[in-house]
Amino acid sequence: EKNDGCTETAISLGKANFSCFWNFGESTPTDDYISIDINEDFEISIAYENGELMTLLVEKEKAKNILDY
């Protein structure tokens, strides 16, 4: 039930995973992402991924893989 403390207990015991994910891509040709996670120590991790930079990274890795053959 709401506010019964079970959510917090489940997180602290590692029995629950709280995370959220947002995609922002309407105004740019590549998508940007933000994600949030809460771990069992109640530490909050926020990650941002720039779509343009990720596209460049993927292209670089593909080029590197081709050179390996």
PDB file of N, CA and C in Angstrom:
ATOM      1  N   GLU A   1       0.842  -1.180   0.000  1.00  0.00           N
ATOM      2  CA  GLU A   1       0.000   0.000   0.000  1.00  0.00           C
ATOM      3  C   GLU A   1       0.886   1.243   0.000  1.00  0.00           C
ATOM      4  N   LYS A   2       0.309   2.328  -0.438  1.00  0.00           N
ATOM      5  CA  LYS A   2       1.054   3.583  -0.505  1.00  0.00           C
ATOM      6  C   LYS A   2       1.532   3.998   0.882  1.00  0.00           C
ATOM      7  N   ASN A   3       2.819   4.411   0.937  1.00  0.00           N
ATOM      8  CA  ASN A   3       3.447   4.916   2.167  1.00  0.00           C
ATOM      9  C   ASN A   3       3.569   3.880   3.282  1.00  0.00           C
ATOM     10  N   ASP A   4       3.574   2.578   2.939  1.00  0.00           N
ATOM     11  CA  ASP A   4       3.720   1.560   3.982  1.00  0.00           C
ATOM     12  C   ASP A   4       5.175   1.197   4.268  1.00  0.00           C
ATOM     13  N   GLY A   5       6.127   1.770   3.503  1.00  0.00           N
ATOM     14  CA  GLY A   5       7.535   1.516   3.735  1.00  0.00           C
ATOM     15  C   GLY A   5       8.068   0.270   3.038  1.00  0.00           C
ATOM     16  N   CYS A   6       7.199  -0.508   2.422  1.00  0.00           N
ATOM     17  CA  CYS A   6       7.646  -1.745   1.766  1.00  0.00           C
ATOM     18  C   CYS A   6       8.516  -1.465   0.549  1.00  0.00           C
ATOM     19  N   THR A   7       8.257  -0.403  -0.153  1.00  0.00           N
ATOM     20  CA  THR A   7       9.068  -0.062  -1.319  1.00  0.00           C
ATOM     21  C   THR A   7      10.499   0.208  -0.899  1.00  0.00           C
ATOM     22  N   GLU A   8      10.673   1.017   0.130  1.00  0.00           N
ATOM     23  CA  GLU A   8      12.006   1.339   0.623  1.00  0.00           C
ATOM     24  C   GLU A   8      12.714   0.101   1.150  1.00  0.00           C
ATOM     25  N   THR A   9      11.990  -0.761   1.839  1.00  0.00           N
ATOM     26  CA  THR A   9      12.573  -1.995   2.367  1.00  0.00           C
ATOM     27  C   THR A   9      13.018  -2.905   1.228  1.00  0.00           C
ATOM     28  N   ALA A  10      12.183  -3.047   0.207  1.00  0.00           N
ATOM     29  CA  ALA A  10      12.531  -3.890  -0.942  1.00  0.00           C
ATOM     30  C   ALA A  10      13.770  -3.369  -1.654  1.00  0.00           C
ATOM     31  N   ILE A  11      13.872  -2.071  -1.817  1.00  0.00           N
ATOM     32  CA  ILE A  11      15.056  -1.482  -2.464  1.00  0.00           C
ATOM     33  C   ILE A  11      16.299  -1.749  -1.618  1.00  0.00           C
ATOM     34  N   SER A  12      16.202  -1.506  -0.314  1.00  0.00           N
ATOM     35  CA  SER A  12      17.373  -1.664   0.557  1.00  0.00           C
ATOM     36  C   SER A  12      17.830  -3.113   0.650  1.00  0.00           C
ATOM     37  N   LEU A  13      16.934  -4.072   0.447  1.00  0.00           N
ATOM     38  CA  LEU A  13      17.297  -5.492   0.467  1.00  0.00           C
ATOM     39  C   LEU A  13      17.739  -5.993  -0.902  1.00  0.00           C
ATOM     40  N   GLY A  14      17.706  -5.115  -1.890  1.00  0.00           N
ATOM     41  CA  GLY A  14      18.087  -5.513  -3.237  1.00  0.00           C
ATOM     42  C   GLY A  14      17.019  -6.337  -3.941  1.00  0.00           C
ATOM     43  N   LYS A  15      15.785  -6.263  -3.449  1.00  0.00           N
ATOM     44  CA  LYS A  15      14.678  -7.044  -4.019  1.00  0.00           C
ATOM     45  C   LYS A  15      13.859  -6.244  -5.020  1.00  0.00           C
ATOM     46  N   ALA A  16      14.156  -4.960  -5.142  1.00  0.00           N
ATOM     47  CA  ALA A  16      13.426  -4.110  -6.085  1.00  0.00           C
ATOM     48  C   ALA A  16      14.419  -3.216  -6.810  1.00  0.00           C
ATOM     49  N   ASN A  17      14.087  -2.878  -8.023  1.00  0.00           N
ATOM     50  CA  ASN A  17      14.928  -1.999  -8.824  1.00  0.00           C
ATOM     51  C   ASN A  17      14.073  -0.829  -9.282  1.00  0.00           C
ATOM     52  N   PHE A  18      14.509   0.355  -8.940  1.00  0.00           N
ATOM     53  CA  PHE A  18      13.792   1.544  -9.374  1.00  0.00           C
ATOM     54  C   PHE A  18      14.612   2.232 -10.441  1.00  0.00           C
ATOM     55  N   SER A  19      14.015   2.409 -11.600  1.00  0.00           N
ATOM     56  CA  SER A  19      14.694   3.118 -12.672  1.00  0.00           C
ATOM     57  C   SER A  19      13.655   3.774 -13.570  1.00  0.00           C
ATOM     58  N   CYS A  20      14.125   4.775 -14.288  1.00  0.00           N
ATOM     59  CA  CYS A  20      13.263   5.504 -15.208  1.00  0.00           C
ATOM     60  C   CYS A  20      14.109   5.923 -16.403  1.00  0.00           C
ATOM     61  N   PHE A  21      13.481   6.063 -17.543  1.00  0.00           N
ATOM     62  CA  PHE A  21      14.192   6.310 -18.783  1.00  0.00           C
ATOM     63  C   PHE A  21      13.374   7.285 -19.625  1.00  0.00           C
ATOM     64  N   TRP A  22      14.035   8.333 -20.109  1.00  0.00           N
ATOM     65  CA  TRP A  22      13.372   9.302 -20.983  1.00  0.00           C
ATOM     66  C   TRP A  22      14.130   9.411 -22.302  1.00  0.00           C
ATOM     67  N   ASN A  23      13.389   9.549 -23.369  1.00  0.00           N
ATOM     68  CA  ASN A  23      13.964   9.701 -24.701  1.00  0.00           C
ATOM     69  C   ASN A  23      13.546  11.068 -25.237  1.00  0.00           C
ATOM     70  N   PHE A  24      14.529  11.849 -25.689  1.00  0.00           N
ATOM     71  CA  PHE A  24      14.279  13.163 -26.260  1.00  0.00           C
ATOM     72  C   PHE A  24      14.830  13.173 -27.680  1.00  0.00           C
ATOM     73  N   GLY A  25      13.981  13.107 -28.674  1.00  0.00           N
ATOM     74  CA  GLY A  25      14.477  13.056 -30.032  1.00  0.00           C
ATOM     75  C   GLY A  25      13.619  13.795 -31.029  1.00  0.00           C
ATOM     76  N   GLU A  26      12.642  14.518 -30.550  1.00  0.00           N
ATOM     77  CA  GLU A  26      11.699  15.175 -31.448  1.00  0.00           C
ATOM     78  C   GLU A  26      12.306  16.347 -32.201  1.00  0.00           C
ATOM     79  N   SER A  27      13.245  17.044 -31.600  1.00  0.00           N
ATOM     80  CA  SER A  27      13.765  18.261 -32.221  1.00  0.00           C
ATOM     81  C   SER A  27      15.111  18.067 -32.912  1.00  0.00           C
ATOM     82  N   THR A  28      15.683  16.880 -32.804  1.00  0.00           N
ATOM     83  CA  THR A  28      16.990  16.612 -33.415  1.00  0.00           C
ATOM     84  C   THR A  28      16.907  15.330 -34.240  1.00  0.00           C
ATOM     85  N   PRO A  29      17.807  15.159 -35.199  1.00  0.00           N
ATOM     86  CA  PRO A  29      17.787  13.922 -35.991  1.00  0.00           C
ATOM     87  C   PRO A  29      18.222  12.688 -35.195  1.00  0.00           C
ATOM     88  N   THR A  30      18.927  12.878 -34.092  1.00  0.00           N
ATOM     89  CA  THR A  30      19.329  11.760 -33.239  1.00  0.00           C
ATOM     90  C   THR A  30      18.676  11.921 -31.870  1.00  0.00           C
ATOM     91  N   ASP A  31      18.460  10.800 -31.219  1.00  0.00           N
ATOM     92  CA  ASP A  31      17.793  10.807 -29.916  1.00  0.00           C
ATOM     93  C   ASP A  31      18.788  11.017 -28.789  1.00  0.00           C
ATOM     94  N   ASP A  32      18.371  11.769 -27.788  1.00  0.00           N
ATOM     95  CA  ASP A  32      19.118  11.931 -26.543  1.00  0.00           C
ATOM     96  C   ASP A  32      18.345  11.189 -25.462  1.00  0.00           C
ATOM     97  N   TYR A  33      19.069  10.680 -24.457  1.00  0.00           N
ATOM     98  CA  TYR A  33      18.440   9.893 -23.402  1.00  0.00           C
ATOM     99  C   TYR A  33      18.902  10.356 -22.029  1.00  0.00           C
ATOM    100  N   ILE A  34      17.990  10.233 -21.063  1.00  0.00           N
ATOM    101  CA  ILE A  34      18.317  10.433 -19.653  1.00  0.00           C
ATOM    102  C   ILE A  34      17.737   9.242 -18.907  1.00  0.00           C
ATOM    103  N   SER A  35      18.533   8.662 -18.006  1.00  0.00           N
ATOM    104  CA  SER A  35      18.019   7.575 -17.181  1.00  0.00           C
ATOM    105  C   SER A  35      18.395   7.828 -15.721  1.00  0.00           C
ATOM    106  N   ILE A  36      17.555   7.313 -14.837  1.00  0.00           N
ATOM    107  CA  ILE A  36      17.769   7.438 -13.393  1.00  0.00           C
ATOM    108  C   ILE A  36      17.593   6.058 -12.771  1.00  0.00           C
ATOM    109  N   ASP A  37      18.506   5.691 -11.881  1.00  0.00           N
ATOM    110  CA  ASP A  37      18.444   4.424 -11.145  1.00  0.00           C
ATOM    111  C   ASP A  37      18.639   4.712  -9.658  1.00  0.00           C
ATOM    112  N   ILE A  38      17.954   3.939  -8.812  1.00  0.00           N
ATOM    113  CA  ILE A  38      18.154   4.000  -7.364  1.00  0.00           C
ATOM    114  C   ILE A  38      18.593   2.608  -6.918  1.00  0.00           C
ATOM    115  N   ASN A  39      19.774   2.506  -6.268  1.00  0.00           N
ATOM    116  CA  ASN A  39      20.270   1.192  -5.856  1.00  0.00           C
ATOM    117  C   ASN A  39      19.920   0.910  -4.392  1.00  0.00           C
ATOM    118  N   GLU A  40      20.392  -0.257  -3.918  1.00  0.00           N
ATOM    119  CA  GLU A  40      20.029  -0.683  -2.556  1.00  0.00           C
ATOM    120  C   GLU A  40      20.596   0.210  -1.462  1.00  0.00           C
ATOM    121  N   ASP A  41      21.600   1.034  -1.776  1.00  0.00           N
ATOM    122  CA  ASP A  41      22.132   1.999  -0.815  1.00  0.00           C
ATOM    123  C   ASP A  41      21.445   3.359  -0.956  1.00  0.00           C
ATOM    124  N   PHE A  42      20.385   3.387  -1.739  1.00  0.00           N
ATOM    125  CA  PHE A  42      19.616   4.597  -2.026  1.00  0.00           C
ATOM    126  C   PHE A  42      20.460   5.668  -2.703  1.00  0.00           C
ATOM    127  N   GLU A  43      21.468   5.208  -3.453  1.00  0.00           N
ATOM    128  CA  GLU A  43      22.252   6.123  -4.273  1.00  0.00           C
ATOM    129  C   GLU A  43      21.515   6.308  -5.596  1.00  0.00           C
ATOM    130  N   ILE A  44      21.454   7.534  -6.041  1.00  0.00           N
ATOM    131  CA  ILE A  44      20.758   7.856  -7.281  1.00  0.00           C
ATOM    132  C   ILE A  44      21.790   8.105  -8.369  1.00  0.00           C
ATOM    133  N   SER A  45      21.656   7.380  -9.466  1.00  0.00           N
ATOM    134  CA  SER A  45      22.537   7.555 -10.622  1.00  0.00           C
ATOM    135  C   SER A  45      21.732   8.174 -11.751  1.00  0.00           C
ATOM    136  N   ILE A  46      22.258   9.249 -12.302  1.00  0.00           N
ATOM    137  CA  ILE A  46      21.621   9.910 -13.439  1.00  0.00           C
ATOM    138  C   ILE A  46      22.601   9.849 -14.604  1.00  0.00           C
ATOM    139  N   ALA A  47      22.131   9.344 -15.734  1.00  0.00           N
ATOM    140  CA  ALA A  47      22.980   9.226 -16.917  1.00  0.00           C
ATOM    141  C   ALA A  47      22.334   9.980 -18.080  1.00  0.00           C
ATOM    142  N   TYR A  48      23.174  10.676 -18.833  1.00  0.00           N
ATOM    143  CA  TYR A  48      22.729  11.388 -20.027  1.00  0.00           C
ATOM    144  C   TYR A  48      23.504  10.848 -21.218  1.00  0.00           C
ATOM    145  N   GLU A  49      22.814  10.582 -22.303  1.00  0.00           N
ATOM    146  CA  GLU A  49      23.455  10.096 -23.521  1.00  0.00           C
ATOM    147  C   GLU A  49      23.094  11.016 -24.680  1.00  0.00           C
ATOM    148  N   ASN A  50      24.112  11.632 -25.248  1.00  0.00           N
ATOM    149  CA  ASN A  50      23.929  12.518 -26.387  1.00  0.00           C
ATOM    150  C   ASN A  50      23.874  11.674 -27.654  1.00  0.00           C
ATOM    151  N   GLY A  51      22.789  11.761 -28.393  1.00  0.00           N
ATOM    152  CA  GLY A  51      22.602  10.949 -29.580  1.00  0.00           C
ATOM    153  C   GLY A  51      23.643  11.179 -30.655  1.00  0.00           C
ATOM    154  N   GLU A  52      24.022  12.427 -30.872  1.00  0.00           N
ATOM    155  CA  GLU A  52      25.029  12.722 -31.893  1.00  0.00           C
ATOM    156  C   GLU A  52      26.378  12.115 -31.531  1.00  0.00           C
ATOM    157  N   LEU A  53      26.774  12.245 -30.269  1.00  0.00           N
ATOM    158  CA  LEU A  53      28.054  11.676 -29.841  1.00  0.00           C
ATOM    159  C   LEU A  53      28.033  10.150 -29.894  1.00  0.00           C
ATOM    160  N   MET A  54      26.905   9.546 -29.561  1.00  0.00           N
ATOM    161  CA  MET A  54      26.812   8.089 -29.629  1.00  0.00           C
ATOM    162  C   MET A  54      26.887   7.608 -31.077  1.00  0.00           C
ATOM    163  N   THR A  55      26.284   8.347 -31.992  1.00  0.00           N
ATOM    164  CA  THR A  55      26.378   7.991 -33.415  1.00  0.00           C
ATOM    165  C   THR A  55      27.826   8.037 -33.879  1.00  0.00           C
ATOM    166  N   LEU A  56      28.557   9.081 -33.470  1.00  0.00           N
ATOM    167  CA  LEU A  56      29.978   9.182 -33.821  1.00  0.00           C
ATOM    168  C   LEU A  56      30.781   8.026 -33.232  1.00  0.00           C
ATOM    169  N   LEU A  57      30.492   7.666 -31.996  1.00  0.00           N
ATOM    170  CA  LEU A  57      31.200   6.551 -31.349  1.00  0.00           C
ATOM    171  C   LEU A  57      30.943   5.240 -32.084  1.00  0.00           C
ATOM    172  N   VAL A  58      29.702   4.986 -32.428  1.00  0.00           N
ATOM    173  CA  VAL A  58      29.357   3.752 -33.138  1.00  0.00           C
ATOM    174  C   VAL A  58      30.070   3.703 -34.484  1.00  0.00           C
ATOM    175  N   GLU A  59      30.065   4.827 -35.207  1.00  0.00           N
ATOM    176  CA  GLU A  59      30.761   4.876 -36.499  1.00  0.00           C
ATOM    177  C   GLU A  59      32.262   4.624 -36.334  1.00  0.00           C
ATOM    178  N   LYS A  60      32.851   5.198 -35.305  1.00  0.00           N
ATOM    179  CA  LYS A  60      34.277   5.004 -35.039  1.00  0.00           C
ATOM    180  C   LYS A  60      34.578   3.538 -34.727  1.00  0.00           C
ATOM    181  N   GLU A  61      33.742   2.920 -33.899  1.00  0.00           N
ATOM    182  CA  GLU A  61      33.946   1.516 -33.539  1.00  0.00           C
ATOM    183  C   GLU A  61      33.772   0.609 -34.754  1.00  0.00           C
ATOM    184  N   LYS A  62      32.804   0.910 -35.609  1.00  0.00           N
ATOM    185  CA  LYS A  62      32.598   0.110 -36.818  1.00  0.00           C
ATOM    186  C   LYS A  62      33.833   0.215 -37.732  1.00  0.00           C
ATOM    187  N   ALA A  63      34.349   1.428 -37.872  1.00  0.00           N
ATOM    188  CA  ALA A  63      35.538   1.626 -38.712  1.00  0.00           C
ATOM    189  C   ALA A  63      36.731   0.866 -38.129  1.00  0.00           C
ATOM    190  N   LYS A  64      36.860   0.890 -36.817  1.00  0.00           N
ATOM    191  CA  LYS A  64      37.949   0.166 -36.157  1.00  0.00           C
ATOM    192  C   LYS A  64      37.807  -1.336 -36.380  1.00  0.00           C
ATOM    193  N   ASN A  65      36.568  -1.844 -36.279  1.00  0.00           N
ATOM    194  CA  ASN A  65      36.332  -3.281 -36.480  1.00  0.00           C
ATOM    195  C   ASN A  65      36.673  -3.689 -37.912  1.00  0.00           C
ATOM    196  N   ILE A  66      36.379  -2.858 -38.879  1.00  0.00           N
ATOM    197  CA  ILE A  66      36.693  -3.165 -40.272  1.00  0.00           C
ATOM    198  C   ILE A  66      38.197  -3.233 -40.470  1.00  0.00           C
ATOM    199  N   LEU A  67      38.943  -2.350 -39.821  1.00  0.00           N
ATOM    200  CA  LEU A  67      40.408  -2.355 -39.940  1.00  0.00           C
ATOM    201  C   LEU A  67      41.041  -3.591 -39.311  1.00  0.00           C
ATOM    202  N   ASP A  68      40.339  -4.211 -38.377  1.00  0.00           N
ATOM    203  CA  ASP A  68      40.877  -5.393 -37.715  1.00  0.00           C
ATOM    204  C   ASP A  68      40.887  -6.621 -38.637  1.00  0.00           C
ATOM    205  N   TYR A  69      40.170  -6.560 -39.751  1.00  0.00           N
ATOM    206  CA  TYR A  69      40.084  -7.724 -40.650  1.00  0.00           C
ATOM    207  C   TYR A  69      40.925  -7.570 -41.869  1.00  0.00           C
TER     208      TYR A  69
END
